[in-house]
Amino acid sequence: MAQSAESDNKIMSNKYQYEAPKNTREQIESVAWEMRFSPSAKRSYASPGSMKDLLAELVSLVRSANHTREYESERIKNYETAALTLFAVFCLLLTYFGRFTSSDLEWVNDGLFFAQTLGVGTAAVYVGIAIERTALVEVIWRYNITKFLASILLSTLVVYSAGRASSIINDVFGIDASAFPYTRALLAGWIAFVQIAKPILLLVCFCLVAHCWNLASWFKSLAWPSDRDASRSDFPWQSLWFAILSTIVLLSAFDWIYRSLEEAQLPTKVYQMARTLDFNSRHACSNLPDGVNVIFIGPEQSKVLIDGGTKATLSFKDFIGRPASEWERPPRHFSVSACAVGSSLLLRP
């Protein structure tokens, strides 16, 4: 019987593969053959098979593609979560190494302080990635109007920061800020950072509260298991990493913005920064003693602004960690003198 059915199917397939049905009976036969499964075990790859065979194969391919796509998406998500976990552990180790390790060597301590600052920076990167992965931020950032407004605000912030930095330098030294390019660049960057950090820190505080609530809900479910079937496998590790790292970022940012580099300390810190970056004791002015710190000013660079204080050797650790009260304050007035090269004066005072 099986061989007879297989033979009938083969005859039917060959009959309507090359010839069109001629009457109603043959049309019904061809449709009936198309809507039945052919013996797949005996069918070769060259044979087209019936319509039902093709539909079954198409459904199988679609299901396989959907399963592969779902598995790939889940696999990528797991890889991202694992990578973020490793990155969070690296941030914690770097911060711990920089904060709780000490040495008798000054250059080692400077390196440890840099490691601590780098740890805070990498922690800020993790916090930013975690916030960017939230659904609300993804939806808002998807639209072009958000990017357009962000670019306008960023341009306005750059202009404001440059103007504010020039104003502070002019108040300290009494001359145009273009004579202090390095100090102005760093000061403008710091002002821009402060202005953009304040709303971002507020957003981080809200996200920290949300993650702490998520952690509290998980621990609550352990006390009352009837509320949710909680287990150790679904512990919100990402919420824990976010809570720890965001706390480090918030404490460090508040310490820098409101203690080490607050607005009242900027004149003294700017003065020390300029003495380290822009002033130079090596000059060719014969009418000035060797070793005095000067900076060339004026359109012809024939005048010098003289710094009467002691030479400052300012390290990154001292600039960030020490308050302005421990540094020499800028004088009320700076001396300006012509620079004489040899026996001739380039400009008479």
Protein backbone atom coordinates (compact mmCIF):
# COMPACT_ATOMS: atom_id res chain seq x y z
CA MET A 1 0.00 0.00 0.00
CA ALA A 2 2.83 2.41 0.90
CA GLN A 3 4.62 1.69 -2.37
CA SER A 4 1.36 2.13 -4.30
CA ALA A 5 0.67 5.54 -2.63
CA GLU A 6 4.22 6.64 -3.31
CA SER A 7 3.90 5.59 -6.94
CA ASP A 8 0.58 7.45 -7.29
CA ASN A 9 2.13 10.61 -5.81
CA LYS A 10 5.07 10.37 -8.20
CA ILE A 11 2.80 9.92 -11.17
CA MET A 12 0.58 12.79 -10.03
CA SER A 13 3.64 15.01 -9.50
CA ASN A 14 5.04 14.24 -12.92
CA LYS A 15 1.64 14.59 -14.55
CA TYR A 16 0.90 18.13 -13.33
CA GLN A 17 4.51 19.30 -13.22
CA TYR A 18 4.71 19.60 -16.99
CA GLU A 19 1.02 19.62 -18.03
CA ALA A 20 -1.76 21.98 -16.99
CA PRO A 21 -5.05 20.49 -15.79
CA LYS A 22 -7.46 20.16 -18.70
CA ASN A 23 -10.81 19.84 -16.93
CA THR A 24 -12.45 20.28 -13.55
CA ARG A 25 -11.55 16.80 -12.33
CA GLU A 26 -7.87 17.24 -13.12
CA GLN A 27 -7.87 20.68 -11.47
CA ILE A 28 -9.29 19.15 -8.28
CA GLU A 29 -6.66 16.38 -8.47
CA SER A 30 -3.82 18.87 -8.83
CA VAL A 31 -5.08 20.96 -5.90
CA ALA A 32 -5.50 17.85 -3.75
CA TRP A 33 -1.94 16.78 -4.60
CA GLU A 34 -0.56 20.21 -3.75
CA MET A 35 -2.27 20.24 -0.36
CA ARG A 36 -0.89 16.89 0.81
CA PHE A 37 2.55 16.02 2.14
CA SER A 38 4.76 14.15 -0.27
CA PRO A 39 6.88 11.28 1.07
CA SER A 40 9.77 13.44 2.26
CA ALA A 41 11.92 10.49 3.09
CA LYS A 42 11.97 9.42 -0.55
CA ARG A 43 11.80 12.91 -2.14
CA SER A 44 15.06 14.20 -3.60
CA TYR A 45 16.34 17.76 -3.23
CA ALA A 46 15.75 18.37 -6.92
CA SER A 47 12.04 17.64 -6.57
CA PRO A 48 9.98 20.78 -5.88
CA GLY A 49 7.57 18.95 -3.58
CA SER A 50 4.00 19.93 -2.89
CA MET A 51 2.74 23.32 -1.77
CA LYS A 52 2.22 21.98 1.73
CA ASP A 53 5.83 20.78 1.78
CA LEU A 54 7.04 24.22 0.79
CA LEU A 55 4.82 25.94 3.37
CA ALA A 56 5.99 23.58 6.11
CA GLU A 57 9.61 24.22 5.18
CA LEU A 58 8.97 28.00 5.14
CA VAL A 59 7.33 27.88 8.58
CA SER A 60 10.26 25.86 9.90
CA LEU A 61 12.75 28.42 8.57
CA VAL A 62 10.80 31.33 10.07
CA ARG A 63 10.63 29.64 13.47
CA SER A 64 14.34 28.88 13.34
CA ALA A 65 15.14 32.50 12.39
CA ASN A 66 12.97 33.86 15.24
CA HIS A 67 14.59 31.53 17.73
CA THR A 68 18.07 32.52 16.53
CA ARG A 69 17.20 36.21 16.73
CA GLU A 70 15.79 35.89 20.24
CA TYR A 71 18.77 33.86 21.36
CA GLU A 72 21.21 36.35 19.80
CA SER A 73 19.50 39.29 21.50
CA GLU A 74 19.58 37.50 24.85
CA ARG A 75 23.21 36.50 24.31
CA ILE A 76 24.25 40.10 23.53
CA LYS A 77 22.38 41.34 26.60
CA ASN A 78 24.12 38.78 28.81
CA TYR A 79 27.52 39.74 27.37
CA GLU A 80 26.83 43.42 28.04
CA THR A 81 25.74 42.69 31.61
CA ALA A 82 28.84 40.58 32.25
CA ALA A 83 31.10 43.27 30.74
CA LEU A 84 29.49 45.98 32.87
CA THR A 85 29.92 43.84 35.97
CA LEU A 86 33.64 43.38 35.27
CA PHE A 87 33.95 47.10 34.58
CA ALA A 88 32.22 47.94 37.87
CA VAL A 89 34.59 45.66 39.81
CA PHE A 90 37.55 47.31 38.05
CA CYS A 91 36.28 50.76 39.07
CA LEU A 92 35.91 49.67 42.69
CA LEU A 93 39.39 48.16 42.81
CA LEU A 94 40.95 51.23 41.20
CA THR A 95 39.18 53.58 43.60
CA TYR A 96 40.07 51.47 46.63
CA PHE A 97 43.70 51.20 45.53
CA GLY A 98 43.98 54.96 45.07
CA ARG A 99 42.17 55.96 48.27
CA PHE A 100 43.33 53.44 50.87
CA THR A 101 46.92 52.82 49.76
CA SER A 102 49.77 55.05 50.88
CA SER A 103 53.53 55.25 50.52
CA ASP A 104 56.46 57.24 51.88
CA LEU A 105 57.46 58.29 48.37
CA GLU A 106 55.91 61.51 47.09
CA TRP A 107 55.75 60.43 43.45
CA VAL A 108 54.01 57.21 44.47
CA ASN A 109 51.40 59.18 46.40
CA ASP A 110 50.85 61.41 43.38
CA GLY A 111 50.30 58.28 41.30
CA LEU A 112 47.88 56.87 43.84
CA PHE A 113 45.91 60.10 43.82
CA PHE A 114 45.78 59.94 40.03
CA ALA A 115 44.54 56.34 40.30
CA GLN A 116 41.85 57.50 42.71
CA THR A 117 40.78 60.25 40.30
CA LEU A 118 40.84 57.79 37.41
CA GLY A 119 38.67 55.45 39.45
CA VAL A 120 36.12 58.22 39.96
CA GLY A 121 36.21 58.94 36.22
CA THR A 122 35.64 55.30 35.26
CA ALA A 123 32.86 55.08 37.85
CA ALA A 124 31.25 58.09 36.18
CA VAL A 125 31.49 56.23 32.86
CA TYR A 126 29.67 53.23 34.35
CA VAL A 127 26.97 55.46 35.86
CA GLY A 128 26.51 57.21 32.51
CA ILE A 129 26.18 53.91 30.65
CA ALA A 130 23.65 52.64 33.19
CA ILE A 131 21.55 55.79 32.83
CA GLU A 132 21.79 55.68 29.04
CA ARG A 133 20.49 52.09 29.02
CA THR A 134 17.26 53.08 30.78
CA ALA A 135 14.17 53.05 28.62
CA LEU A 136 13.26 56.71 29.25
CA VAL A 137 16.66 58.03 28.15
CA GLU A 138 16.69 55.76 25.08
CA VAL A 139 13.28 57.04 24.00
CA ILE A 140 14.13 60.72 24.59
CA TRP A 141 17.51 60.53 22.85
CA ARG A 142 16.00 58.79 19.83
CA TYR A 143 14.47 61.98 18.43
CA ASN A 144 16.40 64.61 16.50
CA ILE A 145 14.88 67.53 18.42
CA THR A 146 16.67 66.29 21.56
CA LYS A 147 20.03 66.20 19.77
CA PHE A 148 19.36 69.64 18.23
CA LEU A 149 18.58 71.26 21.59
CA ALA A 150 21.55 69.50 23.21
CA SER A 151 23.91 70.89 20.54
CA ILE A 152 22.55 74.43 21.08
CA LEU A 153 22.94 74.15 24.85
CA LEU A 154 26.46 72.78 24.46
CA SER A 155 27.47 75.64 22.14
CA THR A 156 26.01 78.17 24.57
CA LEU A 157 27.86 76.51 27.44
CA VAL A 158 31.18 76.70 25.57
CA VAL A 159 30.73 80.40 24.86
CA TYR A 160 29.67 81.15 28.43
CA SER A 161 32.56 79.17 29.93
CA ALA A 162 35.15 80.90 27.75
CA GLY A 163 33.76 84.34 28.64
CA ARG A 164 33.54 83.53 32.33
CA ALA A 165 37.12 82.23 32.37
CA SER A 166 38.40 85.37 30.65
CA SER A 167 36.57 87.53 33.18
CA ILE A 168 38.08 85.70 36.17
CA ILE A 169 41.61 85.92 34.72
CA ASN A 170 41.16 89.62 33.99
CA ASP A 171 40.01 90.22 37.59
CA VAL A 172 43.06 88.42 38.98
CA PHE A 173 45.81 89.83 36.74
CA GLY A 174 44.25 93.00 35.36
CA ILE A 175 45.19 92.25 31.73
CA ASP A 176 43.61 90.51 28.76
CA ALA A 177 43.12 86.78 29.27
CA SER A 178 44.69 85.97 25.89
CA ALA A 179 48.10 86.19 27.59
CA PHE A 180 47.18 83.07 29.61
CA PRO A 181 46.10 80.50 26.98
CA TYR A 182 46.67 77.36 29.07
CA THR A 183 45.08 78.76 32.21
CA ARG A 184 42.09 80.05 30.28
CA ALA A 185 41.58 76.72 28.50
CA LEU A 186 41.65 74.69 31.72
CA LEU A 187 39.54 77.20 33.59
CA ALA A 188 36.92 77.28 30.82
CA GLY A 189 36.82 73.49 30.85
CA TRP A 190 36.32 73.45 34.61
CA ILE A 191 33.51 76.04 34.45
CA ALA A 192 31.79 74.04 31.70
CA PHE A 193 32.15 70.87 33.76
CA VAL A 194 30.61 72.51 36.82
CA GLN A 195 27.67 73.92 34.88
CA ILE A 196 26.86 70.66 33.15
CA ALA A 197 27.61 68.49 36.19
CA LYS A 198 24.99 70.06 38.46
CA PRO A 199 21.88 68.89 36.53
CA ILE A 200 23.55 65.55 35.76
CA LEU A 201 24.28 64.99 39.46
CA LEU A 202 20.63 65.69 40.21
CA LEU A 203 19.65 63.04 37.66
CA VAL A 204 22.12 60.62 39.24
CA CYS A 205 20.52 61.24 42.64
CA PHE A 206 17.08 60.31 41.27
CA CYS A 207 18.48 57.16 39.64
CA LEU A 208 20.27 56.26 42.88
CA VAL A 209 17.00 56.46 44.79
CA ALA A 210 15.34 54.20 42.19
CA HIS A 211 18.10 51.58 42.39
CA CYS A 212 18.10 51.69 46.19
CA TRP A 213 14.35 51.12 46.08
CA ASN A 214 14.95 48.12 43.82
CA LEU A 215 17.46 46.69 46.28
CA ALA A 216 15.13 47.33 49.23
CA SER A 217 12.29 45.57 47.40
CA TRP A 218 14.46 42.51 46.83
CA PHE A 219 15.46 42.30 50.50
CA LYS A 220 11.85 42.84 51.49
CA SER A 221 10.84 39.87 49.33
CA LEU A 222 13.22 37.70 51.36
CA ALA A 223 11.47 38.67 54.58
CA TRP A 224 8.02 38.11 53.03
CA PRO A 225 8.44 35.38 50.41
CA SER A 226 4.73 35.40 49.63
CA ASP A 227 5.08 38.79 47.93
CA ARG A 228 7.46 37.49 45.27
CA ASP A 229 9.29 34.26 44.62
CA ALA A 230 12.78 35.69 45.11
CA SER A 231 16.00 33.75 44.97
CA ARG A 232 19.66 34.57 44.97
CA SER A 233 19.85 34.11 41.21
CA ASP A 234 17.71 37.19 40.52
CA PHE A 235 19.60 39.50 42.87
CA PRO A 236 19.80 42.97 41.24
CA TRP A 237 23.57 43.16 40.92
CA GLN A 238 23.46 46.07 38.50
CA SER A 239 21.47 48.08 41.04
CA LEU A 240 24.10 47.29 43.68
CA TRP A 241 26.98 48.38 41.41
CA PHE A 242 25.10 51.52 40.45
CA ALA A 243 24.40 52.42 44.08
CA ILE A 244 28.06 52.02 45.12
CA LEU A 245 29.64 53.72 42.10
CA SER A 246 27.13 56.56 41.93
CA THR A 247 27.78 57.26 45.63
CA ILE A 248 31.51 57.50 44.88
CA VAL A 249 30.84 59.85 41.97
CA LEU A 250 28.47 62.05 43.97
CA LEU A 251 30.79 62.38 46.98
CA SER A 252 33.81 63.17 44.80
CA ALA A 253 31.91 65.67 42.64
CA PHE A 254 30.45 67.49 45.65
CA ASP A 255 33.90 67.60 47.24
CA TRP A 256 35.46 69.12 44.11
CA ILE A 257 32.67 71.54 43.27
CA TYR A 258 31.73 72.78 46.75
CA ARG A 259 35.00 72.44 48.67
CA SER A 260 38.22 72.24 46.65
CA LEU A 261 37.28 74.38 43.66
CA GLU A 262 34.34 76.47 44.77
CA GLU A 263 33.77 79.94 43.34
CA ALA A 264 35.44 81.77 46.25
CA GLN A 265 38.65 79.78 45.80
CA LEU A 266 38.95 80.27 42.05
CA PRO A 267 41.07 83.48 42.12
CA THR A 268 43.76 81.88 44.26
CA LYS A 269 43.65 78.61 42.34
CA VAL A 270 43.76 80.48 39.01
CA TYR A 271 46.77 82.47 40.21
CA GLN A 272 48.61 79.28 41.16
CA MET A 273 47.61 77.61 37.91
CA ALA A 274 48.92 80.53 35.84
CA ARG A 275 52.21 80.55 37.75
CA THR A 276 52.64 76.87 36.93
CA LEU A 277 51.46 76.86 33.31
CA ASP A 278 51.91 80.33 31.77
CA PHE A 279 54.52 82.27 33.75
CA ASN A 280 58.15 81.50 32.91
CA SER A 281 61.37 82.43 34.66
CA ARG A 282 63.51 82.04 31.55
CA HIS A 283 63.58 85.30 29.60
CA ALA A 284 66.03 87.48 27.65
CA CYS A 285 65.20 90.77 29.38
CA SER A 286 68.50 92.33 30.47
CA ASN A 287 66.77 94.88 32.71
CA LEU A 288 65.19 92.14 34.86
CA PRO A 289 66.95 89.82 37.29
CA ASP A 290 67.34 86.18 36.43
CA GLY A 291 64.75 83.81 37.83
CA VAL A 292 61.88 86.29 38.02
CA ASN A 293 58.60 84.95 36.67
CA VAL A 294 57.26 86.90 33.72
CA ILE A 295 54.74 86.59 30.95
CA PHE A 296 54.92 88.59 27.74
CA ILE A 297 51.94 90.82 26.97
CA GLY A 298 50.95 93.44 24.44
CA PRO A 299 50.53 93.26 20.66
CA GLU A 300 54.30 93.35 20.07
CA GLN A 301 55.14 91.15 23.06
CA SER A 302 57.54 93.85 24.26
CA LYS A 303 56.13 94.19 27.78
CA VAL A 304 56.21 91.68 30.58
CA LEU A 305 53.93 91.10 33.54
CA ILE A 306 56.05 90.31 36.58
CA ASP A 307 55.07 87.87 39.28
CA GLY A 308 56.67 88.84 42.55
CA GLY A 309 55.77 85.68 44.43
CA THR A 310 57.82 82.57 44.92
CA LYS A 311 57.91 79.99 42.19
CA ALA A 312 55.00 77.56 42.48
CA THR A 313 55.45 73.88 41.73
CA LEU A 314 51.84 72.81 41.63
CA SER A 315 50.96 69.13 41.35
CA PHE A 316 47.59 67.74 40.40
CA LYS A 317 47.10 66.32 43.87
CA ASP A 318 47.84 69.64 45.56
CA PHE A 319 45.64 71.60 43.19
CA ILE A 320 42.63 69.36 43.81
CA GLY A 321 43.20 68.33 47.41
CA ARG A 322 44.55 71.41 49.17
CA PRO A 323 42.21 74.32 49.92
CA ALA A 324 42.97 77.84 48.70
CA SER A 325 43.71 79.03 52.23
CA GLU A 326 46.98 77.10 52.16
CA TRP A 327 48.20 78.84 48.99
CA GLU A 328 49.70 82.26 48.45
CA ARG A 329 46.97 84.67 47.42
CA PRO A 330 47.39 86.82 44.30
CA PRO A 331 48.65 90.39 44.89
CA ARG A 332 46.34 93.32 44.33
CA HIS A 333 48.58 94.81 41.65
CA PHE A 334 51.12 93.27 39.28
CA SER A 335 54.17 95.12 37.96
CA VAL A 336 54.43 95.70 34.21
CA SER A 337 57.81 96.52 32.69
CA ALA A 338 59.36 96.89 29.26
CA CYS A 339 61.67 94.10 28.18
CA ALA A 340 65.15 95.31 27.19
CA VAL A 341 67.22 92.96 25.08
CA GLY A 342 70.92 93.75 25.37
CA SER A 343 71.53 97.49 25.63
CA SER A 344 68.52 98.60 23.65
CA LEU A 345 64.99 98.96 24.93
CA LEU A 346 62.27 97.48 22.77
CA LEU A 347 59.74 99.79 24.34
CA ARG A 348 60.20 102.76 26.58
CA PRO A 349 58.01 102.75 29.67
